[in-house]
């Protein structure tokens, strides 16, 4: 065999192996995976609902009618003992400090300052004021439970290749729905 024959034989062998490795010739279908997607016509869509219990806070005048007074938080009454003792002590100290006609002024000033200091010490400086005193009524709230219908999805009926199917879906697909089609020998 001459050189041209050898080159020609090797070339033909290479082309033949490439053709076999490349798959089937054009026009012929050889499917490794016989599944594909197609479109089906939607024939009916029915929304599906579920009853759900919902809790919410209701505040204001309507809630006040149902407010339980036993659970109300009111400020404690102010104690007067600290103010009285502080006033007496302040008056005594003011009397000791003042001289002449200023003694009466010093006694009165000491009593006032002692009353304020004694009150603050006993009541921790808290200024307890009822909210209604400032024109703001106390807001009262209560929890209200009720049932609601909530959309959970859609029951979808569709037709593909002359057969009818029904399936639950989380969304409304519209006029057509994408379907997976699988073909296998019987």
N, C-alpha and C. Protein backbone atom coordinates (compact mmCIF):
# COMPACT_ATOMS: atom_id res chain seq x y z
N UNK A 1 0.84 -1.15 0.00
CA UNK A 1 0.00 0.00 0.00
C UNK A 1 0.90 1.23 0.00
N UNK A 2 0.54 2.13 -0.80
CA UNK A 2 1.37 3.33 -0.90
C UNK A 2 0.95 4.34 0.16
N UNK A 3 1.64 5.43 0.20
CA UNK A 3 1.42 6.45 1.23
C UNK A 3 0.04 7.09 1.09
N UNK A 4 -0.40 7.34 -0.09
CA UNK A 4 -1.69 7.98 -0.30
C UNK A 4 -2.80 7.04 0.18
N UNK A 5 -2.69 5.78 -0.03
CA UNK A 5 -3.69 4.82 0.41
C UNK A 5 -3.77 4.76 1.93
N UNK A 6 -2.62 4.83 2.57
CA UNK A 6 -2.59 4.78 4.04
C UNK A 6 -3.24 6.05 4.62
N UNK A 7 -2.91 7.19 4.05
CA UNK A 7 -3.48 8.45 4.52
C UNK A 7 -4.99 8.44 4.28
N UNK A 8 -5.41 7.95 3.14
CA UNK A 8 -6.83 7.89 2.84
C UNK A 8 -7.55 6.93 3.78
N UNK A 9 -6.99 5.79 4.11
CA UNK A 9 -7.61 4.82 5.01
C UNK A 9 -7.71 5.39 6.43
N UNK A 10 -6.66 6.07 6.88
CA UNK A 10 -6.68 6.66 8.22
C UNK A 10 -7.71 7.78 8.29
N UNK A 11 -7.81 8.58 7.27
CA UNK A 11 -8.79 9.67 7.23
C UNK A 11 -10.20 9.13 7.25
N UNK A 12 -10.47 8.10 6.47
CA UNK A 12 -11.81 7.51 6.45
C UNK A 12 -12.15 6.88 7.82
N UNK A 13 -11.19 6.27 8.43
CA UNK A 13 -11.42 5.68 9.76
C UNK A 13 -11.72 6.77 10.78
N UNK A 14 -11.02 7.91 10.69
CA UNK A 14 -11.27 9.04 11.60
C UNK A 14 -12.65 9.63 11.40
N UNK A 15 -13.06 9.81 10.15
CA UNK A 15 -14.39 10.35 9.86
C UNK A 15 -15.49 9.40 10.34
N UNK A 16 -15.29 8.13 10.17
CA UNK A 16 -16.28 7.15 10.60
C UNK A 16 -16.43 7.14 12.12
N UNK A 17 -15.32 7.24 12.84
CA UNK A 17 -15.41 7.25 14.30
C UNK A 17 -16.03 8.55 14.80
N UNK A 18 -15.76 9.68 14.13
CA UNK A 18 -16.36 10.95 14.51
C UNK A 18 -17.86 10.93 14.26
N UNK A 19 -18.29 10.32 13.18
CA UNK A 19 -19.72 10.25 12.87
C UNK A 19 -20.44 9.40 13.90
N UNK A 20 -19.81 8.31 14.32
CA UNK A 20 -20.44 7.45 15.33
C UNK A 20 -20.48 8.13 16.69
N UNK A 21 -19.45 8.85 17.04
CA UNK A 21 -19.39 9.53 18.34
C UNK A 21 -20.33 10.73 18.39
N UNK A 22 -20.63 11.35 17.29
CA UNK A 22 -21.48 12.53 17.24
C UNK A 22 -22.94 12.23 17.42
N UNK A 23 -23.38 11.04 17.42
CA UNK A 23 -24.79 10.70 17.59
C UNK A 23 -25.41 10.31 16.27
N UNK A 24 -26.72 10.20 16.26
CA UNK A 24 -27.41 9.76 15.05
C UNK A 24 -27.33 10.84 13.98
N UNK A 25 -27.45 10.42 12.71
CA UNK A 25 -27.41 11.39 11.62
C UNK A 25 -28.57 12.37 11.73
N UNK A 26 -28.46 13.50 11.01
CA UNK A 26 -29.52 14.53 11.03
C UNK A 26 -30.84 13.95 10.55
N UNK A 27 -31.94 14.49 11.22
CA UNK A 27 -33.27 14.05 10.81
C UNK A 27 -33.77 12.88 11.64
N UNK A 28 -32.87 12.13 12.25
CA UNK A 28 -33.28 11.01 13.09
C UNK A 28 -33.19 11.46 14.56
N UNK A 29 -34.21 11.12 15.38
CA UNK A 29 -34.23 11.52 16.79
C UNK A 29 -33.89 10.33 17.66
N UNK A 30 -32.90 10.56 18.50
CA UNK A 30 -32.50 9.54 19.45
C UNK A 30 -32.53 10.22 20.82
N UNK A 31 -33.56 9.94 21.63
CA UNK A 31 -33.73 10.62 22.92
C UNK A 31 -33.11 9.79 24.03
N UNK A 32 -32.23 10.43 24.77
CA UNK A 32 -31.70 9.80 25.97
C UNK A 32 -32.77 9.88 27.08
N UNK A 33 -33.41 11.08 27.19
CA UNK A 33 -34.46 11.32 28.19
C UNK A 33 -35.77 11.52 27.45
N UNK A 34 -36.71 10.58 27.54
CA UNK A 34 -37.95 10.68 26.78
C UNK A 34 -38.98 11.62 27.42
N UNK A 35 -38.59 12.54 28.31
CA UNK A 35 -39.53 13.48 28.94
C UNK A 35 -39.31 14.86 28.33
N UNK A 36 -40.40 15.61 28.22
CA UNK A 36 -40.31 16.98 27.70
C UNK A 36 -41.47 17.77 28.28
N UNK A 37 -41.49 19.09 28.03
CA UNK A 37 -42.57 19.94 28.52
C UNK A 37 -43.42 20.43 27.35
N UNK A 38 -44.73 20.63 27.67
CA UNK A 38 -45.67 21.10 26.67
C UNK A 38 -46.71 21.96 27.40
N UNK A 39 -47.67 22.50 26.66
CA UNK A 39 -48.72 23.33 27.23
C UNK A 39 -50.05 22.59 27.16
N UNK A 40 -50.85 22.70 28.26
CA UNK A 40 -52.20 22.11 28.31
C UNK A 40 -53.21 23.25 28.46
N UNK A 41 -54.42 23.04 27.96
CA UNK A 41 -55.47 24.05 28.03
C UNK A 41 -56.19 23.94 29.37
N UNK A 42 -56.28 25.05 30.10
CA UNK A 42 -56.99 25.09 31.39
C UNK A 42 -58.49 25.18 31.10
N UNK A 43 -59.27 24.29 31.74
CA UNK A 43 -60.71 24.28 31.52
C UNK A 43 -61.50 24.87 32.69
N UNK A 44 -60.94 24.84 33.91
CA UNK A 44 -61.66 25.39 35.07
C UNK A 44 -60.67 25.69 36.20
N UNK A 45 -60.89 26.82 36.88
CA UNK A 45 -60.08 27.19 38.05
C UNK A 45 -61.03 27.52 39.19
N UNK A 46 -60.87 26.85 40.34
CA UNK A 46 -61.72 27.07 41.51
C UNK A 46 -60.83 27.49 42.69
N UNK A 47 -61.00 28.74 43.19
CA UNK A 47 -60.22 29.17 44.36
C UNK A 47 -60.55 28.31 45.58
N UNK A 48 -59.57 28.02 46.40
CA UNK A 48 -59.74 27.21 47.60
C UNK A 48 -59.44 28.07 48.83
N UNK A 49 -60.34 28.03 49.83
CA UNK A 49 -60.20 28.85 51.04
C UNK A 49 -60.14 27.95 52.27
N UNK A 50 -59.53 28.49 53.33
CA UNK A 50 -59.48 27.80 54.62
C UNK A 50 -59.91 28.79 55.69
N UNK A 51 -60.61 28.30 56.72
CA UNK A 51 -60.99 29.15 57.86
C UNK A 51 -59.80 29.24 58.79
N UNK A 52 -59.41 30.49 59.13
CA UNK A 52 -58.25 30.72 59.97
C UNK A 52 -58.65 31.64 61.12
N UNK A 53 -58.21 31.30 62.34
CA UNK A 53 -58.49 32.15 63.49
C UNK A 53 -57.44 33.25 63.56
N UNK A 54 -57.91 34.50 63.66
CA UNK A 54 -57.03 35.67 63.69
C UNK A 54 -57.25 36.41 65.00
N UNK A 55 -56.16 36.83 65.66
CA UNK A 55 -56.24 37.59 66.90
C UNK A 55 -55.70 38.99 66.63
N UNK A 56 -56.43 40.00 67.12
CA UNK A 56 -55.97 41.38 66.96
C UNK A 56 -56.27 42.16 68.24
N UNK A 57 -55.57 43.28 68.44
CA UNK A 57 -55.80 44.15 69.58
C UNK A 57 -56.85 45.19 69.21
N UNK A 58 -57.82 45.39 70.07
CA UNK A 58 -58.84 46.41 69.86
C UNK A 58 -58.72 47.38 71.03
N UNK A 59 -58.44 48.65 70.71
CA UNK A 59 -58.23 49.66 71.74
C UNK A 59 -59.20 50.81 71.54
N UNK A 60 -59.50 51.53 72.63
CA UNK A 60 -60.33 52.70 72.53
C UNK A 60 -61.62 52.56 73.31
N UNK A 61 -62.61 53.41 72.99
CA UNK A 61 -63.86 53.44 73.75
C UNK A 61 -64.64 52.12 73.71
N UNK A 62 -64.61 51.43 72.57
CA UNK A 62 -65.35 50.15 72.49
C UNK A 62 -64.73 49.13 73.41
N UNK A 63 -63.38 49.12 73.50
CA UNK A 63 -62.70 48.15 74.35
C UNK A 63 -62.92 48.48 75.82
N UNK A 64 -63.14 49.77 76.17
CA UNK A 64 -63.29 50.17 77.57
C UNK A 64 -64.51 49.51 78.20
N UNK A 65 -65.54 49.23 77.44
CA UNK A 65 -66.74 48.60 77.99
C UNK A 65 -66.44 47.19 78.46
N UNK A 66 -65.42 46.56 77.91
CA UNK A 66 -65.08 45.18 78.27
C UNK A 66 -63.87 45.11 79.19
N UNK A 67 -63.37 46.26 79.63
CA UNK A 67 -62.15 46.31 80.44
C UNK A 67 -62.42 45.80 81.84
N UNK A 68 -61.55 44.97 82.35
CA UNK A 68 -61.69 44.40 83.68
C UNK A 68 -60.95 45.29 84.67
N UNK A 69 -61.67 45.95 85.56
CA UNK A 69 -61.07 46.90 86.51
C UNK A 69 -60.11 46.22 87.48
N UNK A 70 -60.24 44.92 87.69
CA UNK A 70 -59.34 44.23 88.64
C UNK A 70 -57.90 44.24 88.16
N UNK A 71 -57.68 44.39 86.85
CA UNK A 71 -56.33 44.35 86.31
C UNK A 71 -55.78 45.75 86.02
N UNK A 72 -56.48 46.78 86.45
CA UNK A 72 -56.03 48.14 86.20
C UNK A 72 -54.86 48.47 87.12
N UNK A 73 -53.92 49.22 86.60
CA UNK A 73 -52.75 49.63 87.38
C UNK A 73 -52.90 51.10 87.73
N UNK A 74 -53.21 51.38 88.98
CA UNK A 74 -53.36 52.75 89.43
C UNK A 74 -52.16 53.10 90.31
N UNK A 75 -51.72 54.35 90.29
CA UNK A 75 -50.59 54.74 91.14
C UNK A 75 -50.98 54.67 92.62
N UNK A 76 -49.98 54.33 93.44
CA UNK A 76 -50.22 54.26 94.88
C UNK A 76 -50.42 55.67 95.44
N UNK A 77 -51.13 55.79 96.58
CA UNK A 77 -51.33 57.10 97.20
C UNK A 77 -50.02 57.59 97.78
N UNK A 78 -49.86 58.90 97.75
CA UNK A 78 -48.64 59.51 98.30
C UNK A 78 -48.70 59.42 99.83
N UNK A 79 -47.54 59.15 100.40
CA UNK A 79 -47.42 59.11 101.86
C UNK A 79 -47.07 60.51 102.38
N UNK A 80 -47.67 60.92 103.47
CA UNK A 80 -47.48 62.27 104.00
C UNK A 80 -46.50 62.33 105.17
N UNK A 81 -46.12 61.19 105.74
CA UNK A 81 -45.24 61.18 106.92
C UNK A 81 -43.91 61.86 106.67
N UNK A 82 -43.31 61.61 105.53
CA UNK A 82 -42.01 62.22 105.22
C UNK A 82 -42.11 63.73 105.11
N UNK A 83 -43.19 64.24 104.52
CA UNK A 83 -43.37 65.69 104.38
C UNK A 83 -43.56 66.34 105.75
N UNK A 84 -44.33 65.69 106.63
CA UNK A 84 -44.57 66.26 107.96
C UNK A 84 -43.28 66.30 108.78
N UNK A 85 -42.58 65.17 108.82
CA UNK A 85 -41.32 65.12 109.60
C UNK A 85 -40.30 66.07 109.00
N UNK A 86 -40.20 66.13 107.69
CA UNK A 86 -39.26 67.04 107.03
C UNK A 86 -39.58 68.49 107.33
N UNK A 87 -40.88 68.84 107.36
CA UNK A 87 -41.28 70.22 107.67
C UNK A 87 -40.90 70.62 109.09
N UNK A 88 -41.13 69.70 110.02
CA UNK A 88 -40.78 70.00 111.43
C UNK A 88 -39.28 70.16 111.58
N UNK A 89 -38.52 69.20 110.97
CA UNK A 89 -37.06 69.27 111.09
C UNK A 89 -36.53 70.53 110.41
N UNK A 90 -37.05 70.88 109.26
CA UNK A 90 -36.60 72.09 108.57
C UNK A 90 -36.92 73.34 109.34
N UNK A 91 -38.09 73.38 110.00
CA UNK A 91 -38.45 74.53 110.82
C UNK A 91 -37.52 74.70 112.00
N UNK A 92 -37.15 73.60 112.65
CA UNK A 92 -36.24 73.65 113.79
C UNK A 92 -34.87 74.16 113.36
N UNK A 93 -34.38 73.62 112.24
CA UNK A 93 -33.05 74.05 111.75
C UNK A 93 -33.11 75.52 111.34
N UNK A 94 -34.16 75.95 110.66
CA UNK A 94 -34.30 77.35 110.25
C UNK A 94 -34.36 78.28 111.45
N UNK A 95 -35.01 77.84 112.54
CA UNK A 95 -35.11 78.64 113.76
C UNK A 95 -33.74 78.82 114.39
N UNK A 96 -32.89 77.80 114.31
CA UNK A 96 -31.55 77.85 114.90
C UNK A 96 -30.65 78.78 114.10
N UNK A 97 -30.85 78.87 112.80
CA UNK A 97 -29.98 79.65 111.93
C UNK A 97 -30.34 81.13 111.98
N UNK A 98 -31.63 81.44 112.02
CA UNK A 98 -32.07 82.83 111.94
C UNK A 98 -31.81 83.61 113.23
N UNK A 99 -31.65 84.98 113.09
CA UNK A 99 -31.42 85.85 114.23
C UNK A 99 -32.35 87.05 114.15
N UNK A 100 -32.85 87.48 115.23
CA UNK A 100 -33.68 88.67 115.29
C UNK A 100 -35.00 88.47 114.57
N UNK A 101 -35.40 89.50 113.77
CA UNK A 101 -36.67 89.40 113.05
C UNK A 101 -36.57 88.43 111.88
N UNK A 102 -35.34 88.06 111.43
CA UNK A 102 -35.15 87.09 110.34
C UNK A 102 -35.36 85.67 110.79
N UNK A 103 -35.52 85.50 112.14
CA UNK A 103 -35.71 84.17 112.69
C UNK A 103 -37.02 83.56 112.18
N UNK A 104 -38.08 84.38 112.07
CA UNK A 104 -39.37 83.86 111.60
C UNK A 104 -39.29 83.48 110.13
N UNK A 105 -38.59 84.29 109.34
CA UNK A 105 -38.44 83.99 107.91
C UNK A 105 -37.62 82.72 107.73
N UNK A 106 -36.54 82.55 108.49
CA UNK A 106 -35.68 81.36 108.40
C UNK A 106 -36.44 80.12 108.84
N UNK A 107 -37.29 80.24 109.88
CA UNK A 107 -38.08 79.10 110.34
C UNK A 107 -39.07 78.68 109.26
N UNK A 108 -39.76 79.65 108.64
CA UNK A 108 -40.74 79.33 107.58
C UNK A 108 -40.05 78.72 106.37
N UNK A 109 -38.91 79.32 105.95
CA UNK A 109 -38.18 78.78 104.80
C UNK A 109 -37.67 77.38 105.09
N UNK A 110 -37.17 77.12 106.28
CA UNK A 110 -36.70 75.79 106.66
C UNK A 110 -37.82 74.77 106.65
N UNK A 111 -39.02 75.19 107.11
CA UNK A 111 -40.16 74.28 107.12
C UNK A 111 -40.58 73.91 105.70
N UNK A 112 -40.59 74.90 104.78
CA UNK A 112 -40.97 74.63 103.38
C UNK A 112 -39.97 73.69 102.73
N UNK A 113 -38.68 74.01 102.87
CA UNK A 113 -37.64 73.16 102.26
C UNK A 113 -37.66 71.77 102.88
N UNK A 114 -37.83 71.67 104.19
CA UNK A 114 -37.88 70.37 104.87
C UNK A 114 -39.07 69.54 104.41
N UNK A 115 -40.22 70.19 104.18
CA UNK A 115 -41.41 69.48 103.69
C UNK A 115 -41.15 68.88 102.30
N UNK A 116 -40.55 69.67 101.42
CA UNK A 116 -40.27 69.19 100.05
C UNK A 116 -39.27 68.04 100.09
N UNK A 117 -38.19 68.20 100.85
CA UNK A 117 -37.16 67.15 100.91
C UNK A 117 -37.73 65.88 101.53
N UNK A 118 -38.49 65.99 102.63
CA UNK A 118 -39.07 64.81 103.28
C UNK A 118 -40.04 64.07 102.36
N UNK A 119 -40.85 64.82 101.59
CA UNK A 119 -41.77 64.19 100.66
C UNK A 119 -41.02 63.43 99.56
N UNK A 120 -40.00 64.05 99.01
CA UNK A 120 -39.23 63.40 97.93
C UNK A 120 -38.53 62.14 98.43
N UNK A 121 -38.00 62.21 99.64
CA UNK A 121 -37.30 61.04 100.18
C UNK A 121 -38.28 59.89 100.37
N UNK A 122 -39.44 60.15 100.97
CA UNK A 122 -40.38 59.06 101.23
C UNK A 122 -41.03 58.53 99.96
N UNK A 123 -41.35 59.39 99.02
CA UNK A 123 -42.06 58.96 97.81
C UNK A 123 -41.13 58.80 96.61
N UNK A 124 -39.84 58.75 96.84
CA UNK A 124 -38.82 58.54 95.81
C UNK A 124 -38.90 59.56 94.69
N UNK A 125 -39.38 60.72 94.95
CA UNK A 125 -39.43 61.77 93.95
C UNK A 125 -40.44 61.53 92.85
N UNK A 126 -41.26 60.52 92.98
CA UNK A 126 -42.24 60.20 91.93
C UNK A 126 -43.35 61.21 91.93
N UNK A 127 -43.70 61.66 90.75
CA UNK A 127 -44.84 62.54 90.61
C UNK A 127 -45.96 61.71 90.01
N UNK A 128 -46.83 61.28 90.86
CA UNK A 128 -47.90 60.39 90.44
C UNK A 128 -49.11 61.21 90.04
N UNK A 129 -49.44 61.17 88.76
CA UNK A 129 -50.54 61.95 88.23
C UNK A 129 -51.45 61.02 87.47
N UNK A 130 -52.73 61.14 87.67
CA UNK A 130 -53.70 60.33 86.94
C UNK A 130 -53.75 60.84 85.49
N UNK A 131 -53.75 59.95 84.47
CA UNK A 131 -53.75 60.40 83.08
C UNK A 131 -54.91 61.31 82.73
N UNK A 132 -56.08 61.12 83.35
CA UNK A 132 -57.24 61.95 83.03
C UNK A 132 -57.03 63.39 83.47
N UNK A 133 -56.10 63.63 84.42
CA UNK A 133 -55.86 64.99 84.90
C UNK A 133 -55.25 65.85 83.79
N UNK A 134 -54.61 65.25 82.80
CA UNK A 134 -54.01 65.99 81.70
C UNK A 134 -54.87 65.94 80.44
N UNK A 135 -56.08 65.48 80.55
CA UNK A 135 -56.97 65.43 79.40
C UNK A 135 -56.75 64.22 78.51
N UNK A 136 -55.94 63.26 78.94
CA UNK A 136 -55.68 62.05 78.16
C UNK A 136 -56.28 60.86 78.90
N UNK A 137 -57.41 60.36 78.47
CA UNK A 137 -57.98 59.20 79.15
C UNK A 137 -57.08 57.98 78.98
N UNK A 138 -57.09 57.14 79.99
CA UNK A 138 -56.29 55.92 79.94
C UNK A 138 -56.79 55.04 78.80
N UNK A 139 -55.88 54.59 77.94
CA UNK A 139 -56.27 53.74 76.82
C UNK A 139 -56.39 52.31 77.31
N UNK A 140 -57.47 51.67 76.95
CA UNK A 140 -57.71 50.30 77.36
C UNK A 140 -57.84 49.43 76.12
N UNK A 141 -57.19 48.29 76.16
CA UNK A 141 -57.18 47.39 75.00
C UNK A 141 -57.60 45.99 75.43
N UNK A 142 -58.04 45.23 74.45
CA UNK A 142 -58.37 43.82 74.67
C UNK A 142 -58.06 43.04 73.40
N UNK A 143 -57.80 41.75 73.56
CA UNK A 143 -57.56 40.88 72.41
C UNK A 143 -58.89 40.37 71.89
N UNK A 144 -59.05 40.43 70.57
CA UNK A 144 -60.28 39.98 69.94
C UNK A 144 -59.92 38.89 68.94
N UNK A 145 -60.60 37.75 69.03
CA UNK A 145 -60.38 36.65 68.09
C UNK A 145 -61.59 36.53 67.17
N UNK A 146 -61.31 36.31 65.89
CA UNK A 146 -62.40 36.05 64.95
C UNK A 146 -61.87 35.15 63.84
N UNK A 147 -62.78 34.60 63.06
CA UNK A 147 -62.42 33.68 61.98
C UNK A 147 -62.47 34.42 60.65
N UNK A 148 -61.51 34.14 59.80
CA UNK A 148 -61.46 34.72 58.46
C UNK A 148 -61.28 33.61 57.43
N UNK A 149 -61.75 33.86 56.22
CA UNK A 149 -61.50 32.96 55.10
C UNK A 149 -60.23 33.46 54.40
N UNK A 150 -59.21 32.61 54.29
CA UNK A 150 -57.98 32.99 53.60
C UNK A 150 -57.76 32.07 52.41
N UNK A 151 -57.34 32.67 51.30
CA UNK A 151 -57.08 31.92 50.07
C UNK A 151 -55.84 31.04 50.26
N UNK A 152 -55.98 29.73 49.99
CA UNK A 152 -54.85 28.82 50.14
C UNK A 152 -54.29 28.37 48.79
N UNK A 153 -55.09 28.47 47.72
CA UNK A 153 -54.63 28.05 46.40
C UNK A 153 -55.80 27.87 45.46
N UNK A 154 -55.56 27.07 44.38
CA UNK A 154 -56.57 26.89 43.35
C UNK A 154 -56.65 25.42 42.93
N UNK A 155 -57.86 24.94 42.72
CA UNK A 155 -58.08 23.61 42.14
C UNK A 155 -58.19 23.84 40.63
N UNK A 156 -57.22 23.35 39.87
CA UNK A 156 -57.12 23.64 38.44
C UNK A 156 -57.43 22.38 37.64
N UNK A 157 -58.40 22.49 36.72
CA UNK A 157 -58.70 21.39 35.79
C UNK A 157 -58.15 21.78 34.42
N UNK A 158 -57.48 20.83 33.76
CA UNK A 158 -56.91 21.12 32.45
C UNK A 158 -57.01 19.89 31.56
N UNK A 159 -56.85 20.14 30.26
CA UNK A 159 -56.97 19.07 29.27
C UNK A 159 -55.67 19.01 28.47
N UNK A 160 -55.16 17.76 28.31
CA UNK A 160 -53.97 17.56 27.50
C UNK A 160 -54.14 16.29 26.69
N UNK A 161 -53.98 16.40 25.39
CA UNK A 161 -54.03 15.26 24.48
C UNK A 161 -55.33 14.46 24.65
N UNK A 162 -56.46 15.18 24.84
CA UNK A 162 -57.76 14.53 24.93
C UNK A 162 -58.08 13.95 26.31
N UNK A 163 -57.19 14.10 27.28
CA UNK A 163 -57.44 13.58 28.63
C UNK A 163 -57.58 14.74 29.60
N UNK A 164 -58.39 14.56 30.65
CA UNK A 164 -58.65 15.61 31.64
C UNK A 164 -57.91 15.31 32.94
N UNK A 165 -57.35 16.36 33.54
CA UNK A 165 -56.59 16.24 34.77
C UNK A 165 -57.02 17.36 35.73
N UNK A 166 -56.88 17.12 37.03
CA UNK A 166 -57.16 18.14 38.05
C UNK A 166 -56.01 18.12 39.04
N UNK A 167 -55.58 19.34 39.43
CA UNK A 167 -54.44 19.45 40.34
C UNK A 167 -54.59 20.70 41.18
N UNK A 168 -54.12 20.66 42.44
CA UNK A 168 -54.10 21.83 43.32
C UNK A 168 -52.83 22.63 43.02
N UNK A 169 -52.99 23.96 42.86
CA UNK A 169 -51.84 24.82 42.58
C UNK A 169 -51.90 26.03 43.51
N UNK A 170 -50.75 26.61 43.80
CA UNK A 170 -50.70 27.77 44.69
C UNK A 170 -51.02 29.07 43.97
N UNK A 171 -51.07 29.05 42.65
CA UNK A 171 -51.35 30.26 41.87
C UNK A 171 -52.34 29.92 40.75
N UNK A 172 -53.01 30.94 40.24
CA UNK A 172 -53.93 30.78 39.11
C UNK A 172 -53.07 30.76 37.84
N UNK A 173 -53.08 29.65 37.07
CA UNK A 173 -52.17 29.54 35.93
C UNK A 173 -52.60 30.36 34.71
N UNK A 174 -53.84 30.79 34.64
CA UNK A 174 -54.30 31.51 33.45
C UNK A 174 -55.00 30.56 32.49
N UNK A 175 -54.87 30.83 31.18
CA UNK A 175 -55.59 30.03 30.18
C UNK A 175 -54.88 28.72 29.84
N UNK A 176 -53.59 28.63 30.11
CA UNK A 176 -52.88 27.38 29.84
C UNK A 176 -51.85 27.14 30.93
N UNK A 177 -51.47 25.88 31.05
CA UNK A 177 -50.54 25.48 32.10
C UNK A 177 -49.44 24.60 31.50
N UNK A 178 -48.22 24.78 31.97
CA UNK A 178 -47.10 23.98 31.49
C UNK A 178 -47.17 22.60 32.13
N UNK A 179 -47.00 21.54 31.34
CA UNK A 179 -47.05 20.18 31.85
C UNK A 179 -45.79 19.42 31.46
N UNK A 180 -45.41 18.47 32.28
CA UNK A 180 -44.31 17.57 31.96
C UNK A 180 -44.89 16.33 31.27
N UNK A 181 -44.30 15.94 30.15
CA UNK A 181 -44.77 14.79 29.38
C UNK A 181 -43.64 13.77 29.37
N UNK A 182 -43.98 12.55 29.66
CA UNK A 182 -42.99 11.48 29.68
C UNK A 182 -43.47 10.35 28.76
N UNK A 183 -42.60 9.87 27.90
CA UNK A 183 -42.95 8.82 26.95
C UNK A 183 -42.07 7.60 27.27
N UNK A 184 -42.72 6.44 27.35
CA UNK A 184 -41.96 5.19 27.58
C UNK A 184 -42.67 4.05 26.84
N UNK A 185 -41.95 3.04 26.48
CA UNK A 185 -42.57 1.92 25.77
C UNK A 185 -43.58 1.20 26.69
N UNK A 186 -44.64 0.69 26.06
CA UNK A 186 -45.69 0.01 26.82
C UNK A 186 -45.32 -1.42 27.11
